[in-house]
Amino acid sequence: MDKSFIVFLAVGIGFFYVITNFVGDIEKDDGYPTTSMEEEAHKYDKYMSVDSIGRDIIVVDALDRDTQIKVWNRSEVRDEFLDFFPEFDEMRKIIKERVSAEDFREYLIDKVDSVETSFLNGDITSDDALKKLQNLR
C-alpha cells in the first residue's frame, strides 16, 4: 500500500474518534435528553401498537395494574380519549376498541362511569371532571 494512503487512513480514523467523543460530551452538557432520558420517555412504547385500520391501541394484557395505568397515561389513545370529553359514550367506545386487556378496560370504564355520574349530578365541574379523567389512578 501507498504510504500516503495509510497516513490518510490513520488521520481519518483519528478525526472520527475525536469528533464522536466531542459530540458525545456536548450532548451530555447541552440539556437535551440523553439516552437514559429518552429511554425513560419511551419506556412504554413497546406496549403500544396499531390495529388493522391504523389506529393506535395499547396492549397491556400481561401487565400489573400500576404498569397498565402508566402505559395508559403515556399513550396516544388516552390523548384521543380526552379529546372527546364530555362525550362519555365516545370515550367508552375508545376504551372498548383500543385497550386490549379486558380487566383494564372494565377498570377504565368504571372510572369514566364514576366521573360521568358526578359530573351529571353537578357534584363536580367540567374542569374537575376533565382533571379526574386525565389523572386516572
Protein backbone atom coordinates (compact mmCIF):
# COMPACT_ATOMS: atom_id res chain seq x y z
CA MET A 1 0.00 0.00 0.00
CA ASP A 2 0.97 3.56 -0.55
CA LYS A 3 2.37 5.35 2.50
CA SER A 4 0.20 8.42 1.93
CA PHE A 5 -2.96 6.26 1.91
CA ILE A 6 -2.04 4.75 5.30
CA VAL A 7 -1.38 8.20 6.72
CA PHE A 8 -4.68 9.44 5.28
CA LEU A 9 -6.50 6.46 6.79
CA ALA A 10 -4.90 7.00 10.22
CA VAL A 11 -5.77 10.70 10.18
CA GLY A 12 -9.35 9.87 9.16
CA ILE A 13 -9.76 7.37 11.99
CA GLY A 14 -8.27 9.85 14.47
CA PHE A 15 -10.60 12.59 13.22
CA PHE A 16 -13.63 10.28 13.51
CA TYR A 17 -12.65 9.31 17.08
CA VAL A 18 -12.21 12.92 18.20
CA ILE A 19 -15.47 14.07 16.61
CA THR A 20 -17.58 11.26 18.08
CA ASN A 21 -16.19 11.77 21.58
CA PHE A 22 -16.50 15.55 21.34
CA VAL A 23 -20.12 15.36 20.15
CA GLY A 24 -20.96 12.86 22.91
CA ASP A 25 -19.60 15.24 25.56
CA ILE A 26 -21.58 18.12 24.10
CA GLU A 27 -24.79 16.09 24.17
CA LYS A 28 -24.31 15.37 27.86
CA ASP A 29 -23.86 19.05 28.67
CA ASP A 30 -26.47 20.64 26.42
CA GLY A 31 -29.55 19.82 28.50
CA TYR A 32 -31.26 17.89 25.74
CA PRO A 33 -32.46 14.38 26.52
CA THR A 34 -29.70 11.86 26.82
CA THR A 35 -30.05 8.20 26.13
CA SER A 36 -31.34 7.44 29.64
CA MET A 37 -33.87 10.28 29.44
CA GLU A 38 -35.00 9.10 26.03
CA GLU A 39 -35.30 5.55 27.32
CA GLU A 40 -37.49 6.76 30.19
CA ALA A 41 -39.68 8.76 27.81
CA HIS A 42 -40.13 5.77 25.51
CA LYS A 43 -40.18 3.09 28.20
CA TYR A 44 -43.77 2.08 27.48
CA ASP A 45 -43.71 2.31 23.69
CA LYS A 46 -43.40 -1.46 23.42
CA TYR A 47 -46.96 -1.79 24.75
CA MET A 48 -48.39 0.40 22.02
CA SER A 49 -49.36 -0.92 18.65
CA VAL A 50 -51.53 -0.15 15.64
CA ASP A 51 -54.70 -2.01 14.71
CA SER A 52 -55.65 -3.19 11.23
CA ILE A 53 -57.14 0.16 10.25
CA GLY A 54 -54.22 2.24 11.51
CA ARG A 55 -55.47 3.39 14.90
CA ASP A 56 -53.20 3.36 17.93
CA ILE A 57 -54.00 0.70 20.51
CA ILE A 58 -52.43 -0.34 23.79
CA VAL A 59 -51.60 -3.96 24.54
CA VAL A 60 -51.35 -4.40 28.30
CA ASP A 61 -52.74 -7.90 28.88
CA ALA A 62 -49.90 -9.40 30.91
CA LEU A 63 -49.06 -6.33 32.99
CA ASP A 64 -49.86 -5.41 36.56
CA ARG A 65 -52.37 -2.60 37.18
CA ASP A 66 -49.75 0.05 38.04
CA THR A 67 -47.90 -0.55 34.79
CA GLN A 68 -51.15 -0.61 32.83
CA ILE A 69 -52.02 2.82 34.23
CA LYS A 70 -48.57 4.17 33.37
CA VAL A 71 -48.88 2.89 29.81
CA TRP A 72 -52.37 4.40 29.54
CA ASN A 73 -51.22 7.79 30.84
CA ARG A 74 -48.43 7.99 28.23
CA SER A 75 -50.42 6.72 25.27
CA GLU A 76 -51.85 8.45 22.24
CA VAL A 77 -55.08 6.53 22.92
CA ARG A 78 -55.53 8.46 26.17
CA ASP A 79 -54.97 11.76 24.38
CA GLU A 80 -57.62 10.91 21.79
CA PHE A 81 -59.90 9.70 24.59
CA LEU A 82 -59.62 13.08 26.34
CA ASP A 83 -60.39 14.93 23.10
CA PHE A 84 -63.93 13.52 23.25
CA PHE A 85 -64.75 14.97 26.68
CA PRO A 86 -67.65 15.35 27.63
CA GLU A 87 -68.97 12.77 25.15
CA PHE A 88 -68.78 9.90 27.62
CA ASP A 89 -70.23 7.33 25.21
CA GLU A 90 -67.47 8.06 22.67
CA MET A 91 -64.88 7.87 25.44
CA ARG A 92 -66.16 4.41 26.44
CA LYS A 93 -66.10 3.36 22.79
CA ILE A 94 -62.40 4.28 22.51
CA ILE A 95 -61.62 2.25 25.62
CA LYS A 96 -63.58 -0.78 24.36
CA GLU A 97 -62.00 -0.73 20.92
CA ARG A 98 -58.43 0.25 21.70
CA VAL A 99 -57.42 -1.31 25.03
CA SER A 100 -56.52 -4.97 24.81
CA ALA A 101 -56.84 -6.13 28.43
CA GLU A 102 -60.43 -6.92 29.44
CA ASP A 103 -59.92 -6.27 33.16
CA PHE A 104 -58.19 -2.96 32.50
CA ARG A 105 -60.96 -1.94 30.10
CA GLU A 106 -63.52 -2.58 32.84
CA TYR A 107 -61.40 -0.60 35.31
CA LEU A 108 -61.23 2.40 32.93
CA ILE A 109 -64.93 2.24 32.12
CA ASP A 110 -65.77 2.17 35.84
CA LYS A 111 -63.67 5.31 36.30
CA VAL A 112 -65.42 7.02 33.38
CA ASP A 113 -68.83 5.98 34.77
CA SER A 114 -67.93 7.41 38.18
CA VAL A 115 -66.78 10.73 36.71
CA GLU A 116 -69.83 10.90 34.44
CA THR A 117 -72.21 10.33 37.34
CA SER A 118 -70.54 13.02 39.47
CA PHE A 119 -70.46 15.42 36.52
CA LEU A 120 -74.11 14.92 35.53
CA ASN A 121 -75.25 15.21 39.15
CA GLY A 122 -73.47 18.56 39.39
CA ASP A 123 -71.11 17.35 42.11
CA ILE A 124 -68.06 18.37 40.04
CA THR A 125 -67.43 20.96 37.34
CA SER A 126 -66.32 20.13 33.81
CA ASP A 127 -62.76 21.18 34.72
CA ASP A 128 -62.78 18.83 37.72
CA ALA A 129 -64.19 16.00 35.61
CA LEU A 130 -61.51 16.50 32.96
CA LYS A 131 -58.78 16.55 35.62
CA LYS A 132 -60.07 13.30 37.07
CA LEU A 133 -60.08 11.70 33.63
CA GLN A 134 -56.57 12.98 32.92
CA ASN A 135 -55.24 11.58 36.19
CA LEU A 136 -56.74 8.10 36.30
CA ARG A 137 -55.09 6.08 39.01
